[in-house]
N, C-alpha and C. Protein backbone atom coordinates (compact mmCIF):
# COMPACT_ATOMS: atom_id res chain seq x y z
N UNK A 1 0.51 -3.74 -11.45
CA UNK A 1 1.60 -2.79 -11.55
C UNK A 1 1.08 -1.36 -11.42
N UNK A 2 -0.13 -1.12 -11.86
CA UNK A 2 -0.73 0.20 -11.79
C UNK A 2 -0.83 0.69 -10.34
N UNK A 3 -1.18 -0.20 -9.42
CA UNK A 3 -1.31 0.16 -8.02
C UNK A 3 0.01 0.61 -7.42
N UNK A 4 1.09 -0.05 -7.78
CA UNK A 4 2.41 0.35 -7.27
C UNK A 4 2.82 1.72 -7.78
N UNK A 5 2.51 2.00 -9.03
CA UNK A 5 2.84 3.30 -9.60
C UNK A 5 2.07 4.40 -8.86
N UNK A 6 0.82 4.16 -8.56
CA UNK A 6 0.02 5.14 -7.83
C UNK A 6 0.62 5.38 -6.45
N UNK A 7 1.02 4.30 -5.77
CA UNK A 7 1.64 4.44 -4.45
C UNK A 7 2.96 5.20 -4.52
N UNK A 8 3.74 4.92 -5.54
CA UNK A 8 5.02 5.63 -5.69
C UNK A 8 4.80 7.11 -5.96
N UNK A 9 3.82 7.42 -6.78
CA UNK A 9 3.53 8.83 -7.06
C UNK A 9 3.01 9.53 -5.81
N UNK A 10 2.19 8.83 -5.04
CA UNK A 10 1.69 9.40 -3.78
C UNK A 10 2.85 9.63 -2.81
N UNK A 11 3.77 8.68 -2.74
CA UNK A 11 4.94 8.83 -1.86
C UNK A 11 5.77 10.03 -2.30
N UNK A 12 5.94 10.19 -3.60
CA UNK A 12 6.69 11.34 -4.10
C UNK A 12 5.99 12.65 -3.74
N UNK A 13 4.68 12.70 -3.89
CA UNK A 13 3.93 13.92 -3.56
C UNK A 13 4.08 14.27 -2.08
N UNK A 14 4.01 13.26 -1.21
CA UNK A 14 4.16 13.50 0.22
C UNK A 14 5.57 14.01 0.53
N UNK A 15 6.58 13.37 -0.07
CA UNK A 15 7.96 13.79 0.18
C UNK A 15 8.23 15.20 -0.36
N UNK A 16 7.66 15.51 -1.51
CA UNK A 16 7.83 16.86 -2.07
C UNK A 16 7.16 17.90 -1.17
N UNK A 17 5.98 17.57 -0.66
CA UNK A 17 5.31 18.48 0.27
C UNK A 17 6.15 18.68 1.53
N UNK A 18 6.76 17.60 2.01
CA UNK A 18 7.64 17.71 3.18
C UNK A 18 8.82 18.63 2.90
N UNK A 19 9.43 18.49 1.73
CA UNK A 19 10.55 19.36 1.35
C UNK A 19 10.11 20.82 1.36
N UNK A 20 8.95 21.10 0.80
CA UNK A 20 8.47 22.48 0.73
C UNK A 20 8.14 23.04 2.12
N UNK A 21 7.53 22.22 2.96
CA UNK A 21 7.19 22.68 4.31
C UNK A 21 8.47 22.97 5.11
N UNK A 22 9.42 22.07 5.03
CA UNK A 22 10.67 22.24 5.78
C UNK A 22 11.45 23.45 5.31
N UNK A 23 11.47 23.68 4.03
CA UNK A 23 12.34 24.74 3.49
C UNK A 23 11.68 26.11 3.38
N UNK A 24 10.35 26.17 3.38
CA UNK A 24 9.69 27.45 3.14
C UNK A 24 8.86 27.95 4.33
N UNK A 25 8.99 27.31 5.47
CA UNK A 25 8.21 27.78 6.63
C UNK A 25 8.86 29.04 7.22
N UNK A 26 8.02 29.88 7.75
CA UNK A 26 8.45 31.14 8.37
C UNK A 26 9.13 30.81 9.70
N UNK A 27 10.35 31.29 9.89
CA UNK A 27 11.05 31.02 11.15
C UNK A 27 11.35 32.29 11.93
N UNK A 28 10.92 33.44 11.43
CA UNK A 28 11.14 34.70 12.13
C UNK A 28 12.56 35.21 11.97
N UNK A 29 12.72 36.47 12.26
CA UNK A 29 14.04 37.07 12.13
C UNK A 29 14.26 37.66 10.75
N UNK A 30 15.49 38.02 10.50
CA UNK A 30 15.82 38.62 9.20
C UNK A 30 16.37 37.57 8.24
N UNK A 31 16.26 37.89 6.98
CA UNK A 31 16.76 37.00 5.94
C UNK A 31 18.28 37.16 5.79
N UNK A 32 18.90 36.09 5.30
CA UNK A 32 20.34 36.13 5.04
C UNK A 32 20.59 35.61 3.64
N UNK A 33 21.65 36.09 3.04
CA UNK A 33 22.05 35.63 1.71
C UNK A 33 23.50 35.19 1.80
N UNK A 34 23.77 33.93 1.47
CA UNK A 34 25.13 33.39 1.55
C UNK A 34 25.53 32.84 0.19
N UNK A 35 26.03 33.71 -0.69
CA UNK A 35 26.35 33.26 -2.05
C UNK A 35 27.60 32.39 -2.16
N UNK A 36 28.56 32.54 -1.25
CA UNK A 36 29.81 31.77 -1.31
C UNK A 36 29.78 30.68 -0.25
N UNK A 37 29.61 29.41 -0.66
CA UNK A 37 29.45 28.34 0.34
C UNK A 37 30.65 28.20 1.27
N UNK A 38 31.84 28.45 0.79
CA UNK A 38 33.04 28.29 1.61
C UNK A 38 33.20 29.43 2.62
N UNK A 39 32.50 30.54 2.41
CA UNK A 39 32.64 31.70 3.29
C UNK A 39 31.47 31.82 4.27
N UNK A 40 30.61 30.83 4.32
CA UNK A 40 29.45 30.92 5.20
C UNK A 40 29.48 29.80 6.23
N UNK A 41 28.57 29.91 7.17
CA UNK A 41 28.45 28.86 8.18
C UNK A 41 27.49 27.77 7.72
N UNK A 42 27.23 27.70 6.44
CA UNK A 42 26.28 26.75 5.89
C UNK A 42 26.87 25.35 5.71
N UNK A 43 28.16 25.20 5.90
CA UNK A 43 28.80 23.91 5.65
C UNK A 43 29.01 23.08 6.92
N UNK A 44 28.24 23.33 7.96
CA UNK A 44 28.35 22.48 9.14
C UNK A 44 27.69 21.13 8.83
N UNK A 45 28.09 20.10 9.55
CA UNK A 45 27.67 18.73 9.25
C UNK A 45 26.15 18.56 9.27
N UNK A 46 25.47 19.15 10.23
CA UNK A 46 24.02 18.98 10.34
C UNK A 46 23.32 19.58 9.12
N UNK A 47 23.74 20.75 8.69
CA UNK A 47 23.13 21.40 7.53
C UNK A 47 23.40 20.60 6.25
N UNK A 48 24.62 20.16 6.07
CA UNK A 48 24.98 19.41 4.87
C UNK A 48 24.20 18.09 4.81
N UNK A 49 24.25 17.31 5.88
CA UNK A 49 23.57 16.01 5.91
C UNK A 49 22.06 16.20 5.76
N UNK A 50 21.50 17.19 6.44
CA UNK A 50 20.07 17.46 6.34
C UNK A 50 19.65 17.80 4.92
N UNK A 51 20.41 18.64 4.25
CA UNK A 51 20.09 19.01 2.86
C UNK A 51 20.24 17.84 1.90
N UNK A 52 21.23 17.00 2.12
CA UNK A 52 21.41 15.83 1.26
C UNK A 52 20.24 14.86 1.44
N UNK A 53 19.91 14.54 2.68
CA UNK A 53 18.82 13.58 2.95
C UNK A 53 17.48 14.12 2.45
N UNK A 54 17.26 15.41 2.61
CA UNK A 54 16.00 16.01 2.21
C UNK A 54 15.68 15.77 0.74
N UNK A 55 16.70 15.76 -0.10
CA UNK A 55 16.47 15.54 -1.53
C UNK A 55 16.73 14.09 -1.96
N UNK A 56 17.39 13.30 -1.12
CA UNK A 56 17.68 11.91 -1.47
C UNK A 56 16.42 11.06 -1.50
N UNK A 57 15.54 11.27 -0.56
CA UNK A 57 14.33 10.44 -0.49
C UNK A 57 13.41 10.62 -1.71
N UNK A 58 13.08 11.86 -2.09
CA UNK A 58 12.27 12.01 -3.31
C UNK A 58 12.99 11.48 -4.56
N UNK A 59 14.30 11.63 -4.61
CA UNK A 59 15.05 11.14 -5.78
C UNK A 59 14.98 9.62 -5.87
N UNK A 60 15.00 8.94 -4.74
CA UNK A 60 14.89 7.48 -4.75
C UNK A 60 13.54 7.06 -5.32
N UNK A 61 12.50 7.79 -4.97
CA UNK A 61 11.17 7.48 -5.51
C UNK A 61 11.14 7.75 -7.01
N UNK A 62 11.77 8.84 -7.45
CA UNK A 62 11.80 9.13 -8.88
C UNK A 62 12.50 8.02 -9.66
N UNK A 63 13.54 7.43 -9.09
CA UNK A 63 14.19 6.31 -9.76
C UNK A 63 13.22 5.15 -9.92
N UNK A 64 12.44 4.88 -8.88
CA UNK A 64 11.48 3.78 -8.96
C UNK A 64 10.37 4.07 -9.97
N UNK A 65 10.19 5.33 -10.31
CA UNK A 65 9.22 5.70 -11.33
C UNK A 65 9.83 5.73 -12.74
N UNK A 66 11.11 5.36 -12.83
CA UNK A 66 11.75 5.26 -14.13
C UNK A 66 12.53 6.49 -14.59
N UNK A 67 12.72 7.46 -13.71
CA UNK A 67 13.47 8.64 -14.10
C UNK A 67 14.96 8.31 -14.23
N UNK A 68 15.62 8.92 -15.18
CA UNK A 68 17.06 8.73 -15.36
C UNK A 68 17.81 9.54 -14.31
N UNK A 69 19.08 9.22 -14.12
CA UNK A 69 19.92 9.97 -13.19
C UNK A 69 20.00 11.43 -13.62
N UNK A 70 20.24 11.66 -14.87
CA UNK A 70 20.38 13.03 -15.38
C UNK A 70 19.11 13.85 -15.13
N UNK A 71 17.97 13.28 -15.47
CA UNK A 71 16.69 13.97 -15.28
C UNK A 71 16.45 14.27 -13.80
N UNK A 72 16.76 13.31 -12.94
CA UNK A 72 16.56 13.48 -11.50
C UNK A 72 17.46 14.58 -10.94
N UNK A 73 18.73 14.57 -11.33
CA UNK A 73 19.67 15.58 -10.83
C UNK A 73 19.29 16.97 -11.33
N UNK A 74 18.92 17.09 -12.59
CA UNK A 74 18.51 18.40 -13.13
C UNK A 74 17.25 18.89 -12.41
N UNK A 75 16.29 18.01 -12.20
CA UNK A 75 15.07 18.40 -11.48
C UNK A 75 15.41 18.81 -10.04
N UNK A 76 16.29 18.07 -9.40
CA UNK A 76 16.71 18.42 -8.04
C UNK A 76 17.38 19.77 -7.99
N UNK A 77 18.23 20.05 -8.96
CA UNK A 77 18.91 21.35 -9.02
C UNK A 77 17.91 22.49 -9.16
N UNK A 78 16.99 22.37 -10.13
CA UNK A 78 16.05 23.46 -10.36
C UNK A 78 15.04 23.62 -9.23
N UNK A 79 14.62 22.51 -8.62
CA UNK A 79 13.73 22.61 -7.46
C UNK A 79 14.45 23.32 -6.32
N UNK A 80 15.68 22.95 -6.07
CA UNK A 80 16.46 23.57 -5.00
C UNK A 80 16.69 25.05 -5.29
N UNK A 81 17.04 25.38 -6.51
CA UNK A 81 17.25 26.78 -6.89
C UNK A 81 15.97 27.58 -6.68
N UNK A 82 14.84 27.02 -7.09
CA UNK A 82 13.56 27.70 -6.89
C UNK A 82 13.25 27.93 -5.42
N UNK A 83 13.51 26.92 -4.60
CA UNK A 83 13.28 27.05 -3.16
C UNK A 83 14.16 28.14 -2.58
N UNK A 84 15.43 28.14 -2.95
CA UNK A 84 16.35 29.15 -2.42
C UNK A 84 15.94 30.55 -2.83
N UNK A 85 15.45 30.72 -4.04
CA UNK A 85 14.99 32.04 -4.47
C UNK A 85 13.73 32.44 -3.72
N UNK A 86 12.82 31.50 -3.50
CA UNK A 86 11.61 31.80 -2.72
C UNK A 86 11.95 32.16 -1.27
N UNK A 87 13.02 31.58 -0.74
CA UNK A 87 13.40 31.87 0.63
C UNK A 87 13.82 33.32 0.83
N UNK A 88 14.14 34.00 -0.25
CA UNK A 88 14.46 35.43 -0.15
C UNK A 88 13.26 36.21 0.39
N UNK A 89 12.05 35.70 0.16
CA UNK A 89 10.84 36.40 0.59
C UNK A 89 10.27 35.84 1.90
N UNK A 90 10.88 34.81 2.46
CA UNK A 90 10.37 34.19 3.70
C UNK A 90 11.22 34.67 4.87
N UNK A 91 10.60 35.37 5.82
CA UNK A 91 11.36 35.91 6.96
C UNK A 91 12.12 34.83 7.73
N UNK A 92 13.37 35.14 8.01
CA UNK A 92 14.20 34.26 8.82
C UNK A 92 14.93 33.17 8.05
N UNK A 93 14.72 33.06 6.76
CA UNK A 93 15.36 32.00 5.98
C UNK A 93 16.70 32.50 5.42
N UNK A 94 17.59 31.56 5.19
CA UNK A 94 18.88 31.87 4.58
C UNK A 94 18.91 31.29 3.18
N UNK A 95 19.18 32.12 2.21
CA UNK A 95 19.34 31.68 0.83
C UNK A 95 20.83 31.43 0.62
N UNK A 96 21.19 30.17 0.32
CA UNK A 96 22.60 29.82 0.26
C UNK A 96 22.90 28.91 -0.92
N UNK A 97 24.00 29.20 -1.60
CA UNK A 97 24.41 28.32 -2.69
C UNK A 97 24.83 26.95 -2.15
N UNK A 98 25.29 26.89 -0.90
CA UNK A 98 25.66 25.60 -0.30
C UNK A 98 24.45 24.67 -0.25
N UNK A 99 23.26 25.24 0.00
CA UNK A 99 22.05 24.42 0.04
C UNK A 99 21.74 23.84 -1.34
N UNK A 100 21.90 24.65 -2.38
CA UNK A 100 21.64 24.16 -3.74
C UNK A 100 22.60 23.02 -4.08
N UNK A 101 23.86 23.19 -3.72
CA UNK A 101 24.86 22.15 -3.99
C UNK A 101 24.53 20.88 -3.23
N UNK A 102 24.23 21.00 -1.95
CA UNK A 102 23.92 19.81 -1.12
C UNK A 102 22.63 19.14 -1.57
N UNK A 103 21.61 19.92 -1.91
CA UNK A 103 20.35 19.35 -2.39
C UNK A 103 20.55 18.59 -3.69
N UNK A 104 21.34 19.16 -4.59
CA UNK A 104 21.60 18.51 -5.88
C UNK A 104 22.39 17.22 -5.67
N UNK A 105 23.39 17.27 -4.79
CA UNK A 105 24.14 16.04 -4.46
C UNK A 105 23.23 15.01 -3.80
N UNK A 106 22.29 15.48 -2.99
CA UNK A 106 21.34 14.58 -2.36
C UNK A 106 20.45 13.89 -3.38
N UNK A 107 20.02 14.61 -4.40
CA UNK A 107 19.21 14.01 -5.45
C UNK A 107 20.01 12.91 -6.17
N UNK A 108 21.28 13.20 -6.45
CA UNK A 108 22.12 12.20 -7.11
C UNK A 108 22.35 11.00 -6.19
N UNK A 109 22.66 11.26 -4.94
CA UNK A 109 22.93 10.17 -3.98
C UNK A 109 21.69 9.29 -3.78
N UNK A 110 20.52 9.92 -3.65
CA UNK A 110 19.30 9.15 -3.46
C UNK A 110 19.01 8.23 -4.64
N UNK A 111 19.21 8.74 -5.85
CA UNK A 111 18.99 7.94 -7.05
C UNK A 111 19.97 6.77 -7.09
N UNK A 112 21.23 7.03 -6.79
CA UNK A 112 22.25 5.98 -6.83
C UNK A 112 22.04 4.93 -5.74
N UNK A 113 21.72 5.35 -4.54
CA UNK A 113 21.48 4.40 -3.44
C UNK A 113 20.26 3.54 -3.73
N UNK A 114 19.22 4.16 -4.29
CA UNK A 114 18.03 3.38 -4.67
C UNK A 114 18.40 2.32 -5.71
N UNK A 115 19.32 2.66 -6.59
CA UNK A 115 19.79 1.68 -7.58
C UNK A 115 20.50 0.51 -6.94
N UNK A 116 21.29 0.79 -5.91
CA UNK A 116 21.97 -0.29 -5.19
C UNK A 116 20.97 -1.23 -4.54
N UNK A 117 19.94 -0.65 -3.91
CA UNK A 117 18.93 -1.49 -3.27
C UNK A 117 18.12 -2.29 -4.28
N UNK A 118 17.79 -1.68 -5.42
CA UNK A 118 17.01 -2.42 -6.42
C UNK A 118 17.85 -3.52 -7.06
N UNK A 119 19.14 -3.28 -7.25
CA UNK A 119 20.02 -4.33 -7.79
C UNK A 119 20.15 -5.47 -6.79
N UNK A 120 20.27 -5.16 -5.53
CA UNK A 120 20.36 -6.18 -4.49
C UNK A 120 19.07 -7.01 -4.45
N UNK A 121 17.93 -6.35 -4.59
CA UNK A 121 16.64 -7.05 -4.57
C UNK A 121 16.51 -7.96 -5.77
N UNK A 122 16.95 -7.50 -6.94
CA UNK A 122 16.87 -8.36 -8.14
C UNK A 122 17.74 -9.60 -7.98
N UNK A 123 18.93 -9.43 -7.40
CA UNK A 123 19.80 -10.59 -7.17
C UNK A 123 19.16 -11.57 -6.19
N UNK A 124 18.55 -11.06 -5.15
CA UNK A 124 17.89 -11.92 -4.16
C UNK A 124 16.71 -12.64 -4.79
N UNK A 125 15.98 -11.96 -5.65
CA UNK A 125 14.84 -12.60 -6.33
C UNK A 125 15.29 -13.71 -7.26
N UNK A 126 16.44 -13.55 -7.91
CA UNK A 126 16.95 -14.59 -8.81
C UNK A 126 17.41 -15.81 -8.03
N UNK A 127 17.91 -15.61 -6.82
CA UNK A 127 18.39 -16.74 -6.00
C UNK A 127 17.26 -17.51 -5.34
N UNK A 128 16.11 -16.90 -5.19
CA UNK A 128 14.98 -17.53 -4.53
C UNK A 128 14.46 -18.66 -5.41
N UNK A 129 14.24 -19.85 -4.84
CA UNK A 129 13.73 -20.96 -5.67
C UNK A 129 12.30 -20.68 -6.12
N UNK A 130 11.99 -21.24 -7.27
CA UNK A 130 10.64 -21.08 -7.81
C UNK A 130 9.66 -21.81 -6.90
N UNK A 131 8.45 -21.36 -6.88
CA UNK A 131 7.42 -21.97 -6.04
C UNK A 131 7.17 -23.40 -6.50
N UNK A 132 7.01 -24.31 -5.54
CA UNK A 132 6.78 -25.72 -5.88
C UNK A 132 5.31 -26.07 -5.95
N UNK A 133 4.45 -25.15 -5.53
CA UNK A 133 3.02 -25.43 -5.62
C UNK A 133 2.54 -25.11 -7.02
N UNK A 134 1.76 -26.02 -7.61
CA UNK A 134 1.28 -25.77 -8.97
C UNK A 134 0.27 -24.64 -8.97
N UNK A 135 0.20 -23.90 -10.06
CA UNK A 135 -0.76 -22.80 -10.14
C UNK A 135 -2.19 -23.35 -10.12
N UNK A 136 -3.09 -22.58 -9.56
CA UNK A 136 -4.49 -22.98 -9.52
C UNK A 136 -5.12 -22.80 -10.87
N UNK A 137 -5.97 -23.74 -11.20
CA UNK A 137 -6.71 -23.64 -12.46
C UNK A 137 -8.15 -23.33 -12.13
N UNK A 138 -8.73 -22.40 -12.85
CA UNK A 138 -10.13 -22.07 -12.59
C UNK A 138 -11.05 -22.83 -13.53
N UNK A 139 -10.50 -23.39 -14.61
CA UNK A 139 -11.32 -24.14 -15.55
C UNK A 139 -11.67 -25.51 -14.97
N UNK A 140 -12.92 -25.86 -15.07
CA UNK A 140 -13.37 -27.17 -14.61
C UNK A 140 -13.21 -27.38 -13.11
N UNK A 141 -13.46 -26.32 -12.35
CA UNK A 141 -13.22 -26.45 -10.92
C UNK A 141 -14.46 -26.82 -10.14
N UNK A 142 -15.48 -27.36 -10.80
CA UNK A 142 -16.69 -27.80 -10.10
C UNK A 142 -16.38 -28.97 -9.22
N UNK A 143 -16.94 -28.95 -8.06
CA UNK A 143 -16.75 -30.07 -7.15
C UNK A 143 -17.85 -31.10 -7.41
N UNK A 144 -17.44 -32.31 -7.50
CA UNK A 144 -18.43 -33.36 -7.70
C UNK A 144 -18.90 -33.84 -6.35
N UNK A 145 -20.21 -33.95 -6.19
CA UNK A 145 -20.73 -34.47 -4.93
C UNK A 145 -20.92 -35.96 -5.04
N UNK A 146 -20.65 -36.67 -4.00
CA UNK A 146 -20.62 -38.11 -4.10
C UNK A 146 -21.72 -38.76 -3.46
C-alpha cells in the first residue's frame, strides 16, 4: 500500500506543477483584471471547461489520498485565489473571479467523479469470483529427489 501512496503523491505533484506552469507562464502583453465574471469575456466555453478540468485532475488524486470533499474544495479555492493574485504580476495574464469560481467547481467535480469511479470499481471487485487456485505455502516446500 505504501507504493501506491507514493505514486499518488507523485501524480499530485506533477499535476500541481502542470497547474502552476499553465497558469503562471508569461504570455506577453498587458495584464487585465476582471472582477465581475458576468461582465467579462471569461465565461466562454473553452475557458470554463479548461479551468474546471485543470483543477479536477489534482482533486481526483487528493480523493484517492483520503482528502474529504470539504478539504479538497477549500484547498482548490485558496490555490486558485493565490494563482489569480500572482497573475497580477505576470505580464499578459488576466486575473478573473470567473477563474476562481471555475477552478473551485473543478476541484469539487474532480473529487465527486473520482468517487463515482472508485464506487464502480468496488462494485466490480465484489462481483468478481474469488480465485480458485489455493495460496502457495512456503513452509515445507523442499522438493524430494527420487
